[in-house]
Amino acid sequence: MKLRLLYIILISFFVITLGPNYTYSQESWWKDKKYKTEEKQKKFENCKHVFISIGDGLMYGNVTYISPFFQNEIYLGLQNSEKGYYNREQSGYIIENFFSTYPVSSFKWKNSSRSERFAFALGKYKYKKGGFISTFTISVSLKYINDLWMIDQVIVN
């Protein structure tokens, strides 16, 4: 009986103290909204999926998850590096170089916002360099063009 009570207390303690952090969902960065039309609902679901794919690319250090969403010209502002407008191909090489220079340890979106033609998400990019883990803040802006969400700019601070 005492062992069972101790077991229940320990489980309750771990659920209460670790539960909120342990069960943190990557989805908390995206606030779901109800839209008046199914068309609008799909539009913003697509936006969310684009950010998820970009987030996967950042998490795995793999530009192939990101490049399908490049516009013809993208503004890149990378910490201590490239700043300016680049075409699709140049953007891919620059981001690959970023991944090589700052190998990812983890990435997580923190928050987002969206409107009819633009969307924005902010995330934390942790990387390993010289035996230390450091953090960049990455912001990605999307633009709605011809029924597609495309990357407008990527800024790393």
N, C-alpha and C. Protein backbone atom coordinates (compact mmCIF):
# COMPACT_ATOMS: atom_id res chain seq x y z
N MET A 1 0.82 -1.19 0.00
CA MET A 1 0.00 0.00 0.00
C MET A 1 0.87 1.26 0.00
N LYS A 2 1.88 1.31 0.90
CA LYS A 2 2.76 2.47 0.96
C LYS A 2 3.57 2.61 -0.33
N LEU A 3 3.99 1.48 -0.88
CA LEU A 3 4.76 1.50 -2.13
C LEU A 3 3.90 2.04 -3.28
N ARG A 4 2.66 1.64 -3.31
CA ARG A 4 1.75 2.12 -4.36
C ARG A 4 1.53 3.62 -4.23
N LEU A 5 1.34 4.13 -3.01
CA LEU A 5 1.15 5.55 -2.77
C LEU A 5 2.40 6.33 -3.19
N LEU A 6 3.58 5.81 -2.84
CA LEU A 6 4.83 6.44 -3.23
C LEU A 6 4.95 6.48 -4.76
N TYR A 7 4.57 5.40 -5.40
CA TYR A 7 4.59 5.32 -6.87
C TYR A 7 3.67 6.39 -7.49
N ILE A 8 2.48 6.54 -6.97
CA ILE A 8 1.53 7.53 -7.48
C ILE A 8 2.07 8.93 -7.27
N ILE A 9 2.66 9.19 -6.12
CA ILE A 9 3.22 10.52 -5.83
C ILE A 9 4.37 10.82 -6.79
N LEU A 10 5.25 9.86 -7.03
CA LEU A 10 6.37 10.07 -7.94
C LEU A 10 5.90 10.32 -9.37
N ILE A 11 4.96 9.54 -9.83
CA ILE A 11 4.42 9.72 -11.18
C ILE A 11 3.78 11.10 -11.30
N SER A 12 2.98 11.49 -10.31
CA SER A 12 2.34 12.80 -10.32
C SER A 12 3.37 13.91 -10.35
N PHE A 13 4.43 13.77 -9.56
CA PHE A 13 5.49 14.76 -9.53
C PHE A 13 6.12 14.93 -10.92
N PHE A 14 6.46 13.81 -11.56
CA PHE A 14 7.10 13.89 -12.88
C PHE A 14 6.15 14.44 -13.95
N VAL A 15 4.89 14.08 -13.88
CA VAL A 15 3.92 14.59 -14.86
C VAL A 15 3.76 16.10 -14.69
N ILE A 16 3.67 16.56 -13.44
CA ILE A 16 3.47 17.99 -13.20
C ILE A 16 4.72 18.79 -13.52
N THR A 17 5.90 18.32 -13.13
CA THR A 17 7.11 19.10 -13.33
C THR A 17 7.70 18.96 -14.72
N LEU A 18 7.68 17.76 -15.28
CA LEU A 18 8.28 17.56 -16.59
C LEU A 18 7.27 17.64 -17.72
N GLY A 19 6.02 17.41 -17.42
CA GLY A 19 4.99 17.35 -18.45
C GLY A 19 4.95 18.53 -19.38
N PRO A 20 4.85 19.76 -18.88
CA PRO A 20 4.75 20.89 -19.80
C PRO A 20 5.96 21.04 -20.71
N ASN A 21 7.15 20.78 -20.20
CA ASN A 21 8.34 20.91 -21.03
C ASN A 21 8.54 19.70 -21.92
N TYR A 22 8.28 18.54 -21.37
CA TYR A 22 8.53 17.31 -22.12
C TYR A 22 7.56 17.16 -23.28
N THR A 23 6.34 17.62 -23.08
CA THR A 23 5.33 17.46 -24.12
C THR A 23 5.21 18.68 -25.00
N TYR A 24 6.19 19.59 -24.94
CA TYR A 24 6.16 20.79 -25.77
C TYR A 24 6.01 20.38 -27.22
N SER A 25 5.08 20.99 -27.87
CA SER A 25 4.82 20.65 -29.27
C SER A 25 5.42 21.68 -30.19
N GLN A 26 6.02 21.21 -31.27
CA GLN A 26 6.55 22.10 -32.30
C GLN A 26 5.41 22.96 -32.84
N GLU A 27 4.18 22.52 -32.69
CA GLU A 27 3.03 23.23 -33.24
C GLU A 27 2.65 24.48 -32.44
N SER A 28 3.19 24.69 -31.26
CA SER A 28 2.77 25.83 -30.44
C SER A 28 3.14 27.17 -31.07
N TRP A 29 4.02 27.18 -32.02
CA TRP A 29 4.41 28.41 -32.70
C TRP A 29 3.34 28.90 -33.66
N TRP A 30 2.41 28.03 -34.03
CA TRP A 30 1.38 28.34 -35.02
C TRP A 30 0.03 28.37 -34.33
N LYS A 31 -0.59 29.52 -34.29
CA LYS A 31 -1.92 29.64 -33.67
C LYS A 31 -2.98 29.36 -34.72
N ASP A 32 -3.69 28.26 -34.55
CA ASP A 32 -4.75 27.91 -35.50
C ASP A 32 -5.91 28.89 -35.38
N LYS A 33 -6.44 29.24 -36.51
CA LYS A 33 -7.58 30.16 -36.57
C LYS A 33 -8.68 29.51 -37.39
N LYS A 34 -9.90 29.97 -37.15
CA LYS A 34 -11.03 29.49 -37.96
C LYS A 34 -11.27 30.53 -39.05
N TYR A 35 -11.44 30.03 -40.27
CA TYR A 35 -11.66 30.92 -41.41
C TYR A 35 -13.06 30.70 -41.95
N LYS A 36 -13.58 31.72 -42.59
CA LYS A 36 -14.95 31.67 -43.09
C LYS A 36 -15.13 30.72 -44.25
N THR A 37 -14.09 30.53 -45.04
CA THR A 37 -14.22 29.66 -46.21
C THR A 37 -13.19 28.54 -46.15
N GLU A 38 -13.53 27.45 -46.80
CA GLU A 38 -12.61 26.31 -46.88
C GLU A 38 -11.37 26.69 -47.70
N GLU A 39 -11.57 27.53 -48.69
CA GLU A 39 -10.45 27.99 -49.53
C GLU A 39 -9.40 28.72 -48.69
N LYS A 40 -9.87 29.59 -47.82
CA LYS A 40 -8.95 30.33 -46.96
C LYS A 40 -8.28 29.40 -45.95
N GLN A 41 -9.03 28.44 -45.46
CA GLN A 41 -8.48 27.45 -44.52
C GLN A 41 -7.33 26.70 -45.17
N LYS A 42 -7.53 26.26 -46.41
CA LYS A 42 -6.49 25.53 -47.14
C LYS A 42 -5.28 26.42 -47.43
N LYS A 43 -5.54 27.67 -47.76
CA LYS A 43 -4.46 28.62 -48.05
C LYS A 43 -3.50 28.70 -46.86
N PHE A 44 -4.05 28.84 -45.66
CA PHE A 44 -3.19 29.00 -44.50
C PHE A 44 -2.66 27.66 -43.98
N GLU A 45 -3.34 26.56 -44.26
CA GLU A 45 -2.76 25.24 -43.98
C GLU A 45 -1.53 25.03 -44.85
N ASN A 46 -1.61 25.44 -46.12
CA ASN A 46 -0.45 25.35 -47.01
C ASN A 46 0.70 26.21 -46.49
N CYS A 47 0.39 27.38 -46.00
CA CYS A 47 1.41 28.25 -45.42
C CYS A 47 2.12 27.55 -44.25
N LYS A 48 1.34 26.94 -43.39
CA LYS A 48 1.90 26.21 -42.25
C LYS A 48 2.81 25.08 -42.73
N HIS A 49 2.38 24.35 -43.75
CA HIS A 49 3.18 23.24 -44.27
C HIS A 49 4.49 23.73 -44.88
N VAL A 50 4.46 24.89 -45.51
CA VAL A 50 5.70 25.46 -46.05
C VAL A 50 6.67 25.76 -44.91
N PHE A 51 6.16 26.38 -43.84
CA PHE A 51 7.03 26.66 -42.69
C PHE A 51 7.54 25.37 -42.05
N ILE A 52 6.72 24.36 -42.00
CA ILE A 52 7.17 23.07 -41.43
C ILE A 52 8.30 22.49 -42.28
N SER A 53 8.17 22.54 -43.58
CA SER A 53 9.22 22.03 -44.47
C SER A 53 10.51 22.85 -44.31
N ILE A 54 10.38 24.16 -44.25
CA ILE A 54 11.55 25.01 -44.04
C ILE A 54 12.19 24.69 -42.69
N GLY A 55 11.36 24.52 -41.67
CA GLY A 55 11.86 24.16 -40.35
C GLY A 55 12.59 22.83 -40.36
N ASP A 56 12.08 21.86 -41.12
CA ASP A 56 12.77 20.57 -41.25
C ASP A 56 14.12 20.77 -41.93
N GLY A 57 14.16 21.60 -42.96
CA GLY A 57 15.43 21.89 -43.63
C GLY A 57 16.43 22.51 -42.69
N LEU A 58 15.96 23.43 -41.85
CA LEU A 58 16.86 24.05 -40.87
C LEU A 58 17.27 23.05 -39.80
N MET A 59 16.35 22.20 -39.38
CA MET A 59 16.66 21.20 -38.34
C MET A 59 17.67 20.17 -38.83
N TYR A 60 17.58 19.76 -40.09
CA TYR A 60 18.46 18.73 -40.62
C TYR A 60 19.63 19.31 -41.42
N GLY A 61 19.71 20.64 -41.51
CA GLY A 61 20.79 21.25 -42.27
C GLY A 61 20.75 20.84 -43.73
N ASN A 62 19.54 20.79 -44.30
CA ASN A 62 19.36 20.28 -45.66
C ASN A 62 18.55 21.28 -46.49
N VAL A 63 19.23 21.92 -47.43
CA VAL A 63 18.60 22.97 -48.24
C VAL A 63 17.52 22.41 -49.18
N THR A 64 17.51 21.12 -49.46
CA THR A 64 16.51 20.57 -50.37
C THR A 64 15.09 20.64 -49.79
N TYR A 65 14.96 20.77 -48.49
CA TYR A 65 13.64 20.97 -47.88
C TYR A 65 13.17 22.42 -48.07
N ILE A 66 14.12 23.32 -48.29
CA ILE A 66 13.85 24.75 -48.34
C ILE A 66 13.73 25.28 -49.77
N SER A 67 14.60 24.81 -50.64
CA SER A 67 14.71 25.37 -51.99
C SER A 67 13.44 25.31 -52.85
N PRO A 68 12.54 24.35 -52.67
CA PRO A 68 11.32 24.38 -53.50
C PRO A 68 10.48 25.64 -53.28
N PHE A 69 10.74 26.37 -52.21
CA PHE A 69 9.95 27.55 -51.88
C PHE A 69 10.68 28.86 -52.17
N PHE A 70 11.81 28.77 -52.87
CA PHE A 70 12.54 29.98 -53.26
C PHE A 70 11.78 30.71 -54.36
N GLN A 71 11.67 32.03 -54.22
CA GLN A 71 11.21 32.87 -55.32
C GLN A 71 12.37 33.01 -56.30
N ASN A 72 12.13 33.71 -57.39
CA ASN A 72 13.22 33.97 -58.33
C ASN A 72 14.32 34.81 -57.70
N GLU A 73 13.93 35.70 -56.78
CA GLU A 73 14.90 36.54 -56.09
C GLU A 73 14.52 36.59 -54.61
N ILE A 74 15.52 36.35 -53.75
CA ILE A 74 15.28 36.26 -52.31
C ILE A 74 16.27 37.17 -51.60
N TYR A 75 15.80 37.85 -50.57
CA TYR A 75 16.72 38.63 -49.75
C TYR A 75 17.27 37.73 -48.66
N LEU A 76 18.59 37.63 -48.58
CA LEU A 76 19.26 36.88 -47.51
C LEU A 76 20.07 37.86 -46.69
N GLY A 77 19.91 37.78 -45.40
CA GLY A 77 20.71 38.57 -44.47
C GLY A 77 21.27 37.62 -43.43
N LEU A 78 22.46 37.08 -43.70
CA LEU A 78 23.05 36.08 -42.81
C LEU A 78 24.11 36.72 -41.92
N GLN A 79 24.08 36.36 -40.66
CA GLN A 79 25.02 36.89 -39.67
C GLN A 79 26.46 36.81 -40.18
N ASN A 80 27.17 37.91 -40.12
CA ASN A 80 28.60 37.98 -40.50
C ASN A 80 28.88 37.41 -41.88
N SER A 81 27.93 37.52 -42.79
CA SER A 81 28.13 36.89 -44.08
C SER A 81 27.40 37.67 -45.16
N GLU A 82 26.67 36.93 -45.97
CA GLU A 82 25.98 37.48 -47.12
C GLU A 82 24.78 38.31 -46.73
N LYS A 83 24.64 39.46 -47.40
CA LYS A 83 23.45 40.30 -47.25
C LYS A 83 23.13 40.87 -48.61
N GLY A 84 21.91 40.61 -49.10
CA GLY A 84 21.50 41.14 -50.39
C GLY A 84 20.48 40.24 -51.05
N TYR A 85 20.15 40.59 -52.30
CA TYR A 85 19.20 39.81 -53.09
C TYR A 85 19.96 38.81 -53.94
N TYR A 86 19.46 37.57 -53.95
CA TYR A 86 20.13 36.49 -54.69
C TYR A 86 19.08 35.69 -55.47
N ASN A 87 19.52 35.10 -56.58
CA ASN A 87 18.61 34.25 -57.33
C ASN A 87 18.48 32.90 -56.61
N ARG A 88 17.63 32.05 -57.15
CA ARG A 88 17.34 30.75 -56.52
C ARG A 88 18.60 29.92 -56.31
N GLU A 89 19.40 29.80 -57.36
CA GLU A 89 20.60 28.96 -57.30
C GLU A 89 21.62 29.52 -56.30
N GLN A 90 21.86 30.81 -56.36
CA GLN A 90 22.81 31.43 -55.42
C GLN A 90 22.32 31.26 -53.99
N SER A 91 21.03 31.43 -53.78
CA SER A 91 20.47 31.29 -52.43
C SER A 91 20.71 29.89 -51.87
N GLY A 92 20.54 28.88 -52.73
CA GLY A 92 20.79 27.50 -52.29
C GLY A 92 22.23 27.30 -51.86
N TYR A 93 23.18 27.81 -52.65
CA TYR A 93 24.60 27.68 -52.30
C TYR A 93 24.94 28.43 -51.02
N ILE A 94 24.39 29.60 -50.86
CA ILE A 94 24.67 30.41 -49.66
C ILE A 94 24.13 29.72 -48.41
N ILE A 95 22.93 29.16 -48.50
CA ILE A 95 22.35 28.47 -47.34
C ILE A 95 23.12 27.18 -47.06
N GLU A 96 23.52 26.45 -48.09
CA GLU A 96 24.37 25.26 -47.87
C GLU A 96 25.66 25.64 -47.16
N ASN A 97 26.27 26.73 -47.57
CA ASN A 97 27.50 27.20 -46.94
C ASN A 97 27.24 27.58 -45.47
N PHE A 98 26.09 28.18 -45.20
CA PHE A 98 25.71 28.52 -43.83
C PHE A 98 25.63 27.24 -42.99
N PHE A 99 24.98 26.20 -43.53
CA PHE A 99 24.88 24.93 -42.80
C PHE A 99 26.25 24.32 -42.53
N SER A 100 27.17 24.45 -43.48
CA SER A 100 28.53 23.92 -43.30
C SER A 100 29.29 24.71 -42.24
N THR A 101 29.11 26.02 -42.26
CA THR A 101 29.83 26.88 -41.31
C THR A 101 29.26 26.78 -39.90
N TYR A 102 27.95 26.63 -39.80
CA TYR A 102 27.27 26.57 -38.51
C TYR A 102 26.43 25.29 -38.43
N PRO A 103 27.07 24.14 -38.18
CA PRO A 103 26.33 22.86 -38.15
C PRO A 103 25.22 22.87 -37.08
N VAL A 104 24.03 22.54 -37.51
CA VAL A 104 22.86 22.62 -36.65
C VAL A 104 22.93 21.62 -35.50
N SER A 105 22.53 22.09 -34.35
CA SER A 105 22.34 21.23 -33.19
C SER A 105 20.83 20.99 -33.01
N SER A 106 20.06 22.07 -33.18
CA SER A 106 18.60 21.95 -33.14
C SER A 106 17.98 23.21 -33.75
N PHE A 107 16.73 23.08 -34.15
CA PHE A 107 15.97 24.22 -34.63
C PHE A 107 14.53 24.06 -34.19
N LYS A 108 13.92 25.19 -33.80
CA LYS A 108 12.52 25.17 -33.40
C LYS A 108 11.90 26.52 -33.71
N TRP A 109 10.74 26.51 -34.37
CA TRP A 109 9.99 27.74 -34.57
C TRP A 109 9.47 28.20 -33.22
N LYS A 110 9.46 29.51 -33.00
CA LYS A 110 8.98 30.08 -31.74
C LYS A 110 7.62 30.77 -31.89
N ASN A 111 7.44 31.52 -32.98
CA ASN A 111 6.15 32.15 -33.22
C ASN A 111 5.99 32.50 -34.68
N SER A 112 4.79 32.90 -35.03
CA SER A 112 4.49 33.21 -36.43
C SER A 112 3.33 34.19 -36.50
N SER A 113 3.20 34.80 -37.67
CA SER A 113 2.02 35.62 -37.95
C SER A 113 1.75 35.54 -39.45
N ARG A 114 0.54 35.89 -39.84
CA ARG A 114 0.20 35.78 -41.25
C ARG A 114 -0.93 36.74 -41.59
N SER A 115 -0.95 37.12 -42.86
CA SER A 115 -2.01 37.95 -43.40
C SER A 115 -2.36 37.39 -44.78
N GLU A 116 -3.16 38.11 -45.52
CA GLU A 116 -3.60 37.61 -46.83
C GLU A 116 -2.45 37.31 -47.79
N ARG A 117 -1.42 38.18 -47.81
CA ARG A 117 -0.35 38.04 -48.80
C ARG A 117 1.02 37.74 -48.21
N PHE A 118 1.17 37.86 -46.89
CA PHE A 118 2.47 37.66 -46.28
C PHE A 118 2.36 36.79 -45.03
N ALA A 119 3.45 36.10 -44.72
CA ALA A 119 3.53 35.31 -43.49
C ALA A 119 4.95 35.41 -42.97
N PHE A 120 5.10 35.23 -41.69
CA PHE A 120 6.38 35.42 -41.03
C PHE A 120 6.50 34.39 -39.91
N ALA A 121 7.70 33.84 -39.75
CA ALA A 121 7.95 32.94 -38.62
C ALA A 121 9.35 33.22 -38.08
N LEU A 122 9.48 33.08 -36.78
CA LEU A 122 10.72 33.34 -36.07
C LEU A 122 11.10 32.07 -35.32
N GLY A 123 12.37 31.68 -35.42
CA GLY A 123 12.81 30.46 -34.76
C GLY A 123 14.20 30.58 -34.17
N LYS A 124 14.56 29.59 -33.36
CA LYS A 124 15.89 29.53 -32.74
C LYS A 124 16.68 28.40 -33.37
N TYR A 125 17.84 28.76 -33.89
CA TYR A 125 18.75 27.82 -34.56
C TYR A 125 19.97 27.65 -33.66
N LYS A 126 20.12 26.48 -33.08
CA LYS A 126 21.29 26.20 -32.24
C LYS A 126 22.31 25.46 -33.10
N TYR A 127 23.56 25.86 -32.96
CA TYR A 127 24.62 25.27 -33.77
C TYR A 127 25.86 25.00 -32.91
N LYS A 128 26.68 24.06 -33.41
CA LYS A 128 27.92 23.68 -32.73
C LYS A 128 29.09 24.35 -33.44
N LYS A 129 29.92 25.03 -32.67
CA LYS A 129 31.09 25.67 -33.25
C LYS A 129 32.17 25.73 -32.17
N GLY A 130 33.33 25.15 -32.47
CA GLY A 130 34.43 25.18 -31.53
C GLY A 130 34.13 24.52 -30.20
N GLY A 131 33.32 23.49 -30.22
CA GLY A 131 33.00 22.77 -28.99
C GLY A 131 31.90 23.42 -28.16
N PHE A 132 31.35 24.52 -28.63
CA PHE A 132 30.30 25.23 -27.92
C PHE A 132 29.01 25.23 -28.73
N ILE A 133 27.90 25.33 -28.03
CA ILE A 133 26.61 25.47 -28.71
C ILE A 133 26.16 26.92 -28.56
N SER A 134 25.90 27.56 -29.68
CA SER A 134 25.43 28.95 -29.71
C SER A 134 24.10 29.00 -30.44
N THR A 135 23.48 30.17 -30.40
CA THR A 135 22.13 30.30 -30.97
C THR A 135 22.04 31.50 -31.91
N PHE A 136 21.36 31.29 -33.01
CA PHE A 136 20.96 32.36 -33.92
C PHE A 136 19.43 32.45 -33.87
N THR A 137 18.92 33.64 -34.10
CA THR A 137 17.50 33.82 -34.34
C THR A 137 17.32 33.90 -35.85
N ILE A 138 16.43 33.09 -36.37
CA ILE A 138 16.17 33.07 -37.81
C ILE A 138 14.74 33.51 -38.06
N SER A 139 14.60 34.48 -38.95
CA SER A 139 13.25 34.89 -39.37
C SER A 139 13.09 34.60 -40.85
N VAL A 140 11.94 34.08 -41.19
CA VAL A 140 11.63 33.74 -42.58
C VAL A 140 10.31 34.42 -42.93
N SER A 141 10.33 35.15 -44.04
CA SER A 141 9.12 35.79 -44.54
C SER A 141 8.68 35.09 -45.82
N LEU A 142 7.39 34.83 -45.91
CA LEU A 142 6.81 34.23 -47.11
C LEU A 142 5.90 35.25 -47.78
N LYS A 143 5.77 35.12 -49.08
CA LYS A 143 4.88 35.96 -49.86
C LYS A 143 3.96 35.04 -50.66
N TYR A 144 2.67 35.37 -50.72
CA TYR A 144 1.69 34.56 -51.44
C TYR A 144 1.65 35.03 -52.89
N ILE A 145 2.17 34.20 -53.81
CA ILE A 145 2.28 34.55 -55.22
C ILE A 145 1.68 33.43 -56.06
N ASN A 146 0.73 33.75 -56.90
CA ASN A 146 0.09 32.77 -57.79
C ASN A 146 -0.36 31.51 -57.05
N ASP A 147 -1.04 31.71 -55.94
CA ASP A 147 -1.59 30.62 -55.11
C ASP A 147 -0.53 29.75 -54.46
N LEU A 148 0.70 30.27 -54.30
CA LEU A 148 1.78 29.53 -53.63
C LEU A 148 2.45 30.43 -52.60
N TRP A 149 2.85 29.83 -51.48
CA TRP A 149 3.64 30.54 -50.48
C TRP A 149 5.11 30.35 -50.82
N MET A 150 5.79 31.47 -51.08
CA MET A 150 7.20 31.43 -51.49
C MET A 150 8.05 32.26 -50.53
N ILE A 151 9.31 31.87 -50.37
CA ILE A 151 10.22 32.58 -49.46
C ILE A 151 10.55 33.94 -50.07
N ASP A 152 10.33 34.97 -49.29
CA ASP A 152 10.63 36.34 -49.68
C ASP A 152 11.97 36.78 -49.11
N GLN A 153 12.20 36.41 -47.84
CA GLN A 153 13.48 36.74 -47.22
C GLN A 153 13.80 35.81 -46.06
N VAL A 154 15.11 35.68 -45.80
CA VAL A 154 15.61 34.91 -44.66
C VAL A 154 16.65 35.81 -43.97
N ILE A 155 16.45 36.04 -42.68
CA ILE A 155 17.39 36.86 -41.93
C ILE A 155 17.86 36.06 -40.72
N VAL A 156 19.19 36.06 -40.53
CA VAL A 156 19.81 35.34 -39.42
C VAL A 156 20.56 36.34 -38.56
N ASN A 157 20.21 36.41 -37.28
CA ASN A 157 20.90 37.29 -36.32
C ASN A 157 21.40 36.48 -35.14
